[in-house]
Amino acid sequence: MKKPIMLALAFLVFFVPILLTVNTGQAQAAAPVLNLDVRSAIMIEAKTGKILYKYNENQAFPPASMTKMMTEYLVLDAIQKKKLSWDQKVTVDEYGAFLGKSKTSGVLLALNEVHTVKELYDAMAIYSANDATVMLAKTVAGSESEFIKLMNKTAKEFGMTQTYFATSTGLPLADLKQFASESATGENMMSARDSAILAKELLTRYPELLETTKIPHKTFREGTSRPLKMDNWNWMLPGLVKQYAGVDGLKTGHTNAAGFCFTGTGERNGVRLITVVMGAKSFLSRFTETSKMLDYGFTNYKMQPLLKKGAQVPGGEMAKVDRGTDKEVAALASQDVLYPVKAGEEGVYKPKAVVKQVTAPIKQGQEVGSIKIVGSNGKADEFLRPIDEQKAGGTLVAKDEVEEVGWIRLAFRSFFGFIGDIFSGLGNMIKGLFS
């Protein structure tokens, strides 16, 4: 009796852990052990939103000046919608002048001083200037309180579920004294995942942002009697203390409550990564910890071509068409499909078609489905959001136009389909009688 029991125990000890490891439920390999000395962190591939590394990524912490990424987004959005212009003049009010005199990061704005939106934007994006930031917020929305409402609304739309904004700058409410928003119900909070979501939205919609964030030095009020040299707080930029090849953004942050934070981005060999560290111990350590993630990401991942534009996905070559002159239409990949793949896993990932039934009329190039990227176990990797997983493989589009069928032809089609179903049913019944 003892021998079978011992064999059973041996099976449990040695084979069950292996089986559990194999059946992970996701295609990606086990997460790397990077031993980061931070409160939370995450790294994603920027195009797809695929998560390459994560640590405590869903817990919300004070983000400090990483808050300004949302302010940057809303300024760029207002520019695109022509609600603002880069050369629009902004006159500094008492709030801007108050922060200009504070000991926080700023460009020493004075009451009634006038600057363009572009000058203030550069001061915010390069030097994290709090005084410039609030003036931009008020210019976009009329008041910081209204701007904060817009920040939180946009965060919700992006799927940032662990985020709350109380200020446009990331400063604690106490530092704003009489200028603090009366409607604020708490301090700024954001998770590492949400910071990555915000960074991805910024880079996807407004990639021109990087032309500003990659500037290491710039002079504010250049050519005047009060010039101020702005050194970028992102010391991973080329020529700065912790320079890292390929890094061109994005936003640092620091308060006593937040510790030292950094949302970074960089590109090498066609791979763009977004990293977030929150709660690092020192000014420089946030860059050291970021380097560990970037080293891992750039060393191990490359963008692998999985499908050419115009190609068909096996098993999803045709989309069914309702009420069309043709009952089907060829479904083609709308773009080249590139996917971040770890070294050694080049043959693991395959495109899988998710074809929709569509109703005529169909235009050439109209969306008729999507492409999902799955691993050898048929499962998808982990992404920032469901929407990122849906978009990672791109869309399927109709190869040809399909016109809507006339009512007479549709009636005949329905009639003969009905007759066909009857004879098919009779055939099955007769076959059943003699089987």
Protein backbone atom coordinates (compact mmCIF):
# COMPACT_ATOMS: atom_id res chain seq x y z
CA MET A 1 0.00 0.00 0.00
CA LYS A 2 2.88 2.35 0.77
CA LYS A 3 4.43 2.09 -2.70
CA PRO A 4 1.37 3.40 -4.67
CA ILE A 5 0.97 6.23 -2.16
CA MET A 6 4.62 7.24 -2.53
CA LEU A 7 4.31 7.18 -6.34
CA ALA A 8 1.20 9.36 -6.18
CA LEU A 9 2.94 11.89 -3.94
CA ALA A 10 5.94 11.95 -6.25
CA PHE A 11 3.62 12.72 -9.18
CA LEU A 12 2.02 15.58 -7.28
CA VAL A 13 5.34 17.06 -6.22
CA PHE A 14 7.10 16.91 -9.57
CA PHE A 15 4.47 17.01 -12.32
CA VAL A 16 1.62 19.19 -11.03
CA PRO A 17 3.80 22.36 -10.81
CA ILE A 18 4.92 21.71 -14.39
CA LEU A 19 1.34 21.34 -15.59
CA LEU A 20 0.32 24.52 -13.78
CA THR A 21 3.22 26.38 -15.36
CA VAL A 22 2.31 25.22 -18.86
CA ASN A 23 -1.37 26.10 -18.49
CA THR A 24 -0.85 29.79 -17.76
CA GLY A 25 -3.89 30.94 -19.74
CA GLN A 26 -1.78 33.43 -21.69
CA ALA A 27 0.68 33.14 -24.53
CA GLN A 28 3.45 35.21 -23.00
CA ALA A 29 6.36 33.72 -21.08
CA ALA A 30 6.86 34.20 -17.35
CA ALA A 31 7.58 37.78 -16.30
CA PRO A 32 11.25 38.66 -15.85
CA VAL A 33 12.69 39.23 -12.39
CA LEU A 34 14.19 42.72 -12.54
CA ASN A 35 14.25 43.48 -8.79
CA LEU A 36 13.22 47.11 -9.21
CA ASP A 37 13.43 49.25 -6.08
CA VAL A 38 10.17 51.14 -6.68
CA ARG A 39 6.56 51.12 -5.47
CA SER A 40 5.21 50.09 -8.86
CA ALA A 41 6.31 49.75 -12.48
CA ILE A 42 5.20 48.68 -15.93
CA MET A 43 6.68 48.40 -19.42
CA ILE A 44 4.69 48.06 -22.64
CA GLU A 45 5.35 48.03 -26.37
CA ALA A 46 3.94 51.36 -27.49
CA LYS A 47 2.11 50.40 -30.69
CA THR A 48 0.16 47.40 -29.43
CA GLY A 49 0.01 48.06 -25.70
CA LYS A 50 1.32 44.56 -24.98
CA ILE A 51 2.64 44.34 -21.41
CA LEU A 52 6.28 43.19 -21.27
CA TYR A 53 6.82 43.73 -17.54
CA LYS A 54 4.67 44.71 -14.58
CA TYR A 55 5.00 45.13 -10.84
CA ASN A 56 2.18 46.33 -8.58
CA GLU A 57 0.90 48.12 -11.67
CA ASN A 58 -2.72 48.56 -10.59
CA GLN A 59 -2.19 50.30 -7.25
CA ALA A 60 -2.73 54.06 -7.30
CA PHE A 61 -0.07 56.42 -5.95
CA PRO A 62 0.48 60.18 -6.16
CA PRO A 63 1.89 60.79 -9.68
CA ALA A 64 3.36 64.24 -9.00
CA SER A 65 4.20 66.03 -12.27
CA MET A 66 3.43 62.99 -14.42
CA THR A 67 -0.05 64.54 -14.09
CA LYS A 68 1.09 67.07 -16.68
CA MET A 69 0.88 64.41 -19.40
CA MET A 70 -2.90 64.84 -19.27
CA THR A 71 -2.54 68.61 -19.42
CA GLU A 72 -0.25 68.20 -22.44
CA TYR A 73 -2.81 65.95 -24.09
CA LEU A 74 -5.66 68.41 -23.58
CA VAL A 75 -3.59 71.34 -24.87
CA LEU A 76 -2.64 69.38 -28.00
CA ASP A 77 -6.26 68.33 -28.42
CA ALA A 78 -7.39 71.96 -28.19
CA ILE A 79 -4.77 72.95 -30.77
CA GLN A 80 -5.94 70.23 -33.15
CA LYS A 81 -9.58 71.29 -32.75
CA LYS A 82 -8.53 74.93 -33.35
CA LYS A 83 -9.78 76.03 -29.95
CA LEU A 84 -6.25 77.31 -29.31
CA SER A 85 -3.40 78.42 -31.54
CA TRP A 86 0.32 78.20 -30.80
CA ASP A 87 0.81 81.95 -31.24
CA GLN A 88 -2.18 82.87 -29.03
CA LYS A 89 -1.16 85.31 -26.29
CA VAL A 90 -1.75 84.48 -22.61
CA THR A 91 -1.57 87.10 -19.86
CA VAL A 92 -0.36 85.83 -16.49
CA ASP A 93 -2.92 86.23 -13.70
CA GLU A 94 -2.56 86.11 -9.91
CA TYR A 95 -2.59 82.30 -9.79
CA GLY A 96 0.22 82.01 -12.34
CA ALA A 97 2.20 84.73 -10.55
CA PHE A 98 1.66 82.96 -7.20
CA LEU A 99 3.21 79.77 -8.55
CA GLY A 100 5.91 81.83 -10.26
CA LYS A 101 7.03 82.98 -6.82
CA SER A 102 6.75 79.54 -5.22
CA LYS A 103 9.68 77.19 -4.69
CA THR A 104 8.24 74.60 -7.07
CA SER A 105 9.49 74.07 -10.61
CA GLY A 106 8.56 77.07 -12.75
CA VAL A 107 9.71 79.84 -15.05
CA LEU A 108 9.11 82.69 -12.56
CA LEU A 109 6.02 84.09 -14.27
CA ALA A 110 5.04 87.57 -13.08
CA LEU A 111 1.63 89.22 -12.93
CA ASN A 112 0.51 90.60 -16.34
CA GLU A 113 3.49 89.04 -18.13
CA VAL A 114 2.49 87.88 -21.63
CA HIS A 115 3.58 84.70 -23.41
CA THR A 116 2.36 82.58 -26.29
CA VAL A 117 0.72 79.20 -25.81
CA LYS A 118 3.79 77.61 -27.45
CA GLU A 119 6.19 79.25 -25.00
CA LEU A 120 4.14 78.07 -22.03
CA TYR A 121 3.75 74.59 -23.52
CA ASP A 122 7.52 74.23 -23.99
CA ALA A 123 8.06 75.36 -20.38
CA MET A 124 5.60 72.70 -19.20
CA ALA A 125 6.87 69.83 -21.36
CA ILE A 126 10.61 70.49 -20.96
CA TYR A 127 10.95 72.11 -17.55
CA SER A 128 7.74 70.89 -15.84
CA ALA A 129 6.89 74.52 -15.07
CA ASN A 130 3.88 74.62 -12.73
CA ASP A 131 3.17 78.30 -13.35
CA ALA A 132 3.07 77.76 -17.12
CA THR A 133 0.86 74.69 -16.66
CA VAL A 134 -1.92 76.42 -14.74
CA MET A 135 -1.99 79.26 -17.25
CA LEU A 136 -2.46 76.73 -20.05
CA ALA A 137 -5.18 74.92 -18.10
CA LYS A 138 -7.09 78.15 -17.56
CA THR A 139 -6.66 79.13 -21.21
CA VAL A 140 -8.13 75.81 -22.39
CA ALA A 141 -11.09 75.61 -19.99
CA GLY A 142 -11.55 79.05 -18.44
CA SER A 143 -10.57 77.92 -14.94
CA GLU A 144 -8.49 75.17 -13.40
CA SER A 145 -11.62 73.70 -11.79
CA GLU A 146 -13.25 73.25 -15.20
CA PHE A 147 -10.01 71.93 -16.63
CA ILE A 148 -9.81 69.30 -13.87
CA LYS A 149 -13.31 68.13 -14.77
CA LEU A 150 -12.09 67.72 -18.35
CA MET A 151 -9.01 65.82 -17.12
CA ASN A 152 -11.09 63.32 -15.16
CA LYS A 153 -13.61 62.93 -17.98
CA THR A 154 -10.81 62.15 -20.45
CA ALA A 155 -9.17 59.71 -18.04
CA LYS A 156 -12.46 57.81 -17.79
CA GLU A 157 -12.76 57.73 -21.59
CA PHE A 158 -9.22 56.30 -21.83
CA GLY A 159 -10.05 53.50 -19.37
CA MET A 160 -7.82 54.87 -16.59
CA THR A 161 -9.72 53.21 -13.75
CA GLN A 162 -7.28 54.01 -10.93
CA THR A 163 -6.88 57.73 -11.59
CA TYR A 164 -8.18 60.92 -10.01
CA PHE A 165 -7.01 64.45 -10.79
CA ALA A 166 -7.35 67.32 -8.33
CA THR A 167 -4.82 69.71 -9.91
CA SER A 168 -3.52 70.29 -13.43
CA THR A 169 0.10 70.26 -12.25
CA GLY A 170 0.37 67.33 -9.85
CA LEU A 171 1.08 69.66 -6.94
CA PRO A 172 -0.62 68.80 -3.62
CA LEU A 173 -3.70 70.91 -2.89
CA ALA A 174 -2.06 72.39 0.21
CA ASP A 175 0.67 73.95 -1.94
CA LEU A 176 -1.93 75.91 -3.90
CA LYS A 177 -3.39 77.63 -0.82
CA GLN A 178 -6.30 79.91 -1.80
CA PHE A 179 -6.05 78.84 -5.44
CA ALA A 180 -6.87 75.17 -4.76
CA SER A 181 -10.02 73.95 -6.49
CA GLU A 182 -12.95 73.88 -4.07
CA SER A 183 -14.50 70.96 -5.94
CA ALA A 184 -11.48 68.68 -5.43
CA THR A 185 -12.32 65.68 -3.22
CA GLY A 186 -8.81 64.31 -2.77
CA GLU A 187 -5.24 64.43 -4.04
CA ASN A 188 -4.01 63.39 -7.47
CA MET A 189 -3.73 59.59 -7.76
CA MET A 190 -2.75 57.35 -10.64
CA SER A 191 -1.54 53.77 -11.12
CA ALA A 192 1.47 52.79 -13.20
CA ARG A 193 -0.88 51.07 -15.66
CA ASP A 194 -2.96 54.23 -16.03
CA SER A 195 0.17 56.30 -16.57
CA ALA A 196 1.16 53.92 -19.36
CA ILE A 197 -2.33 54.22 -20.87
CA LEU A 198 -2.06 58.01 -20.84
CA ALA A 199 1.42 57.91 -22.38
CA LYS A 200 0.22 55.53 -25.11
CA GLU A 201 -2.71 57.79 -25.96
CA LEU A 202 -0.38 60.79 -26.12
CA LEU A 203 2.11 59.09 -28.43
CA THR A 204 -0.56 57.50 -30.62
CA ARG A 205 -2.58 60.65 -31.20
CA TYR A 206 0.11 63.32 -30.97
CA PRO A 207 3.52 61.81 -31.78
CA GLU A 208 4.81 65.32 -32.50
CA LEU A 209 4.95 65.70 -28.71
CA LEU A 210 8.35 63.99 -28.84
CA GLU A 211 9.83 66.86 -30.81
CA THR A 212 9.45 68.90 -27.62
CA THR A 213 10.08 66.31 -24.90
CA LYS A 214 13.42 65.30 -26.45
CA ILE A 215 14.86 68.82 -26.12
CA PRO A 216 17.54 68.70 -23.37
CA HIS A 217 17.98 72.47 -22.96
CA LYS A 218 16.04 75.56 -23.95
CA THR A 219 15.95 79.20 -22.87
CA PHE A 220 12.71 80.82 -21.71
CA ARG A 221 12.39 84.56 -22.47
CA GLU A 222 15.35 84.23 -24.82
CA GLY A 223 16.57 87.61 -26.06
CA THR A 224 15.04 89.52 -23.13
CA SER A 225 16.53 90.98 -19.95
CA ARG A 226 15.19 88.01 -17.94
CA PRO A 227 16.29 84.84 -19.75
CA LEU A 228 15.91 81.54 -17.89
CA LYS A 229 17.72 78.37 -18.91
CA MET A 230 15.44 75.34 -18.81
CA ASP A 231 17.22 72.00 -18.33
CA ASN A 232 15.02 68.99 -19.04
CA TRP A 233 14.36 66.98 -15.87
CA ASN A 234 14.53 63.80 -17.96
CA TRP A 235 18.22 63.05 -17.51
CA MET A 236 18.05 60.00 -19.80
CA LEU A 237 18.09 62.28 -22.86
CA PRO A 238 21.26 62.37 -25.00
CA GLY A 239 24.01 64.48 -23.45
CA LEU A 240 22.54 64.41 -19.93
CA VAL A 241 23.79 62.58 -16.83
CA LYS A 242 21.88 59.29 -17.24
CA GLN A 243 21.65 59.35 -21.04
CA TYR A 244 20.23 56.23 -22.68
CA ALA A 245 20.34 55.76 -26.44
CA GLY A 246 16.90 56.05 -27.99
CA VAL A 247 15.11 57.80 -25.12
CA ASP A 248 13.15 60.88 -26.24
CA GLY A 249 10.51 61.40 -23.54
CA LEU A 250 8.35 61.65 -21.57
CA LYS A 251 7.64 63.06 -18.07
CA THR A 252 9.24 63.06 -14.64
CA GLY A 253 7.58 63.81 -11.31
CA HIS A 254 8.47 64.32 -7.65
CA THR A 255 6.75 65.30 -4.43
CA ASN A 256 7.32 64.11 -0.88
CA ALA A 257 4.25 61.89 -1.10
CA ALA A 258 5.00 60.55 -4.59
CA GLY A 259 8.70 59.94 -4.26
CA PHE A 260 10.54 60.05 -7.58
CA CYS A 261 8.54 59.02 -10.65
CA PHE A 262 9.20 58.76 -14.36
CA THR A 263 7.18 57.82 -17.42
CA GLY A 264 9.74 57.24 -20.13
CA THR A 265 9.76 56.25 -23.77
CA GLY A 266 12.42 55.33 -26.28
CA GLU A 267 12.87 53.60 -29.61
CA ARG A 268 15.53 51.24 -30.94
CA ASN A 269 15.51 49.13 -34.11
CA GLY A 270 11.84 49.81 -34.75
CA VAL A 271 10.72 48.92 -31.22
CA ARG A 272 9.22 51.72 -29.12
CA LEU A 273 8.79 51.06 -25.42
CA ILE A 274 6.89 52.96 -22.74
CA THR A 275 8.02 52.56 -19.13
CA VAL A 276 6.66 53.80 -15.82
CA VAL A 277 8.30 53.78 -12.39
CA MET A 278 6.58 55.24 -9.34
CA GLY A 279 8.02 55.83 -5.88
CA ALA A 280 11.73 55.47 -6.62
CA LYS A 281 14.06 56.42 -3.77
CA SER A 282 16.05 59.24 -5.38
CA PHE A 283 16.27 61.62 -8.33
CA LEU A 284 18.75 59.38 -10.18
CA SER A 285 17.43 55.97 -9.11
CA ARG A 286 14.21 56.41 -11.11
CA PHE A 287 16.39 56.51 -14.23
CA THR A 288 18.51 53.56 -13.09
CA GLU A 289 15.39 51.48 -12.51
CA THR A 290 13.99 52.55 -15.88
CA SER A 291 17.25 51.48 -17.55
CA LYS A 292 16.77 47.95 -16.18
CA MET A 293 13.41 47.69 -17.94
CA LEU A 294 14.68 49.21 -21.18
CA ASP A 295 17.71 46.91 -21.20
CA TYR A 296 15.42 43.91 -20.87
CA GLY A 297 12.92 45.16 -23.42
CA PHE A 298 15.34 46.20 -26.15
CA THR A 299 17.53 43.10 -25.69
CA ASN A 300 14.71 40.57 -25.81
CA TYR A 301 12.00 41.95 -28.09
CA LYS A 302 11.67 42.80 -31.75
CA MET A 303 8.74 43.63 -34.01
CA GLN A 304 7.99 40.51 -36.05
CA PRO A 305 5.99 40.72 -39.31
CA LEU A 306 3.01 38.36 -39.03
CA LEU A 307 0.91 39.43 -42.00
CA LYS A 308 1.24 41.60 -45.10
CA LYS A 309 -1.25 44.28 -46.05
CA GLY A 310 -3.82 42.76 -48.40
CA ALA A 311 -3.20 39.19 -47.24
CA GLN A 312 -5.93 36.82 -46.10
CA VAL A 313 -5.96 35.06 -42.74
CA PRO A 314 -6.32 31.26 -42.98
CA GLY A 315 -9.76 30.28 -41.73
CA GLY A 316 -11.15 33.78 -42.18
CA GLU A 317 -10.79 34.38 -45.91
CA MET A 318 -14.42 35.37 -46.49
CA ALA A 319 -17.01 37.47 -44.66
CA LYS A 320 -20.70 36.61 -45.04
CA VAL A 321 -22.85 39.35 -46.56
CA ASP A 322 -26.53 39.75 -45.77
CA ARG A 323 -28.86 41.22 -48.45
CA GLY A 324 -26.01 41.50 -50.97
CA THR A 325 -25.69 40.62 -54.66
CA ASP A 326 -22.91 38.33 -53.45
CA LYS A 327 -23.30 36.22 -50.34
CA GLU A 328 -19.64 36.60 -49.37
CA VAL A 329 -16.79 39.06 -49.79
CA ALA A 330 -13.05 38.45 -49.47
CA ALA A 331 -11.59 39.78 -46.20
CA LEU A 332 -8.09 41.29 -46.38
CA ALA A 333 -5.64 42.65 -43.80
CA SER A 334 -5.91 46.45 -43.86
CA GLN A 335 -2.22 46.94 -42.99
CA ASP A 336 1.03 45.14 -42.32
CA VAL A 337 0.76 43.37 -38.97
CA LEU A 338 3.83 43.77 -36.77
CA TYR A 339 3.89 42.28 -33.29
CA PRO A 340 6.40 42.43 -30.40
CA VAL A 341 7.90 38.97 -30.05
CA LYS A 342 10.48 37.77 -27.56
CA ALA A 343 13.68 36.19 -28.86
CA GLY A 344 13.17 32.45 -29.23
CA GLU A 345 9.39 32.77 -29.65
CA GLU A 346 9.37 33.78 -33.32
CA GLY A 347 7.17 30.87 -34.38
CA VAL A 348 4.76 31.04 -31.46
CA TYR A 349 2.34 33.75 -32.63
CA LYS A 350 -0.25 33.48 -35.39
CA PRO A 351 -2.97 35.81 -36.70
CA LYS A 352 -6.54 34.66 -36.10
CA ALA A 353 -9.44 36.16 -38.04
CA VAL A 354 -12.54 37.42 -36.24
CA VAL A 355 -14.94 37.94 -39.17
CA LYS A 356 -18.25 39.75 -38.83
CA GLN A 357 -21.43 39.16 -40.81
CA VAL A 358 -22.07 42.41 -42.65
CA THR A 359 -25.07 43.88 -44.45
CA ALA A 360 -24.94 45.23 -48.00
CA PRO A 361 -24.21 47.64 -49.48
CA ILE A 362 -20.50 47.09 -48.77
CA LYS A 363 -17.82 49.51 -49.92
CA GLN A 364 -14.36 48.40 -50.95
CA GLY A 365 -12.08 48.79 -47.91
CA GLN A 366 -14.98 48.70 -45.43
CA GLU A 367 -14.20 46.97 -42.14
CA VAL A 368 -15.56 43.41 -42.01
CA GLY A 369 -13.65 42.03 -39.03
CA SER A 370 -10.51 42.14 -36.96
CA ILE A 371 -7.31 40.17 -36.49
CA LYS A 372 -6.41 38.69 -33.13
CA ILE A 373 -2.86 37.61 -32.31
CA VAL A 374 -2.71 34.33 -30.42
CA GLY A 375 0.04 32.09 -29.10
CA SER A 376 0.52 28.37 -29.62
CA ASN A 377 -2.07 27.66 -26.90
CA GLY A 378 -4.66 29.79 -28.68
CA LYS A 379 -4.53 32.46 -25.97
CA ALA A 380 -3.68 36.15 -26.31
CA ASP A 381 -1.01 38.04 -24.39
CA GLU A 382 -1.82 40.58 -21.68
CA PHE A 383 -2.48 44.13 -22.83
CA LEU A 384 -3.09 47.45 -21.11
CA ARG A 385 -6.80 47.41 -22.00
CA PRO A 386 -9.24 45.23 -23.93
CA ILE A 387 -9.28 47.85 -26.70
CA ASP A 388 -5.51 47.46 -27.13
CA GLU A 389 -5.87 43.70 -27.55
CA GLN A 390 -8.61 44.25 -30.14
CA LYS A 391 -6.48 46.68 -32.14
CA ALA A 392 -3.12 44.87 -31.85
CA GLY A 393 -3.64 42.84 -35.03
CA GLY A 394 -5.46 45.49 -37.02
CA THR A 395 -8.65 45.11 -39.03
CA LEU A 396 -10.00 43.06 -41.93
CA VAL A 397 -11.52 44.98 -44.83
CA ALA A 398 -13.63 44.07 -47.85
CA LYS A 399 -11.69 43.39 -51.06
CA ASP A 400 -14.59 44.40 -53.32
CA GLU A 401 -17.81 46.35 -53.34
CA VAL A 402 -21.03 44.39 -52.80
CA GLU A 403 -24.27 46.03 -53.88
CA GLU A 404 -27.54 45.58 -52.05
CA VAL A 405 -29.76 43.02 -53.74
CA GLY A 406 -33.15 44.10 -55.14
CA TRP A 407 -36.32 43.02 -53.32
CA ILE A 408 -37.47 40.68 -56.13
CA ARG A 409 -34.17 38.82 -56.18
CA LEU A 410 -34.14 38.76 -52.40
CA ALA A 411 -37.66 37.27 -52.38
CA PHE A 412 -36.66 34.54 -54.84
CA ARG A 413 -33.52 33.84 -52.81
CA SER A 414 -35.60 33.46 -49.65
CA PHE A 415 -38.15 31.24 -51.44
CA PHE A 416 -35.59 28.86 -52.90
CA GLY A 417 -33.75 28.83 -49.60
CA PHE A 418 -37.00 27.80 -47.92
CA ILE A 419 -37.62 25.02 -50.50
CA GLY A 420 -34.03 23.86 -50.06
CA ASP A 421 -34.49 23.62 -46.32
CA ILE A 422 -37.69 21.52 -46.80
CA PHE A 423 -35.99 19.04 -49.14
CA SER A 424 -32.96 18.91 -46.90
CA GLY A 425 -35.23 18.09 -43.96
CA LEU A 426 -37.08 15.40 -45.95
CA GLY A 427 -33.82 13.88 -47.04
CA ASN A 428 -32.57 13.70 -43.48
CA MET A 429 -35.91 12.13 -42.36
CA ILE A 430 -35.80 9.44 -45.07
CA LYS A 431 -32.16 8.74 -44.35
CA GLY A 432 -33.08 8.32 -40.68
CA LEU A 433 -35.81 5.78 -41.52
CA PHE A 434 -33.38 3.49 -43.33
CA SER A 435 -30.35 3.94 -41.13
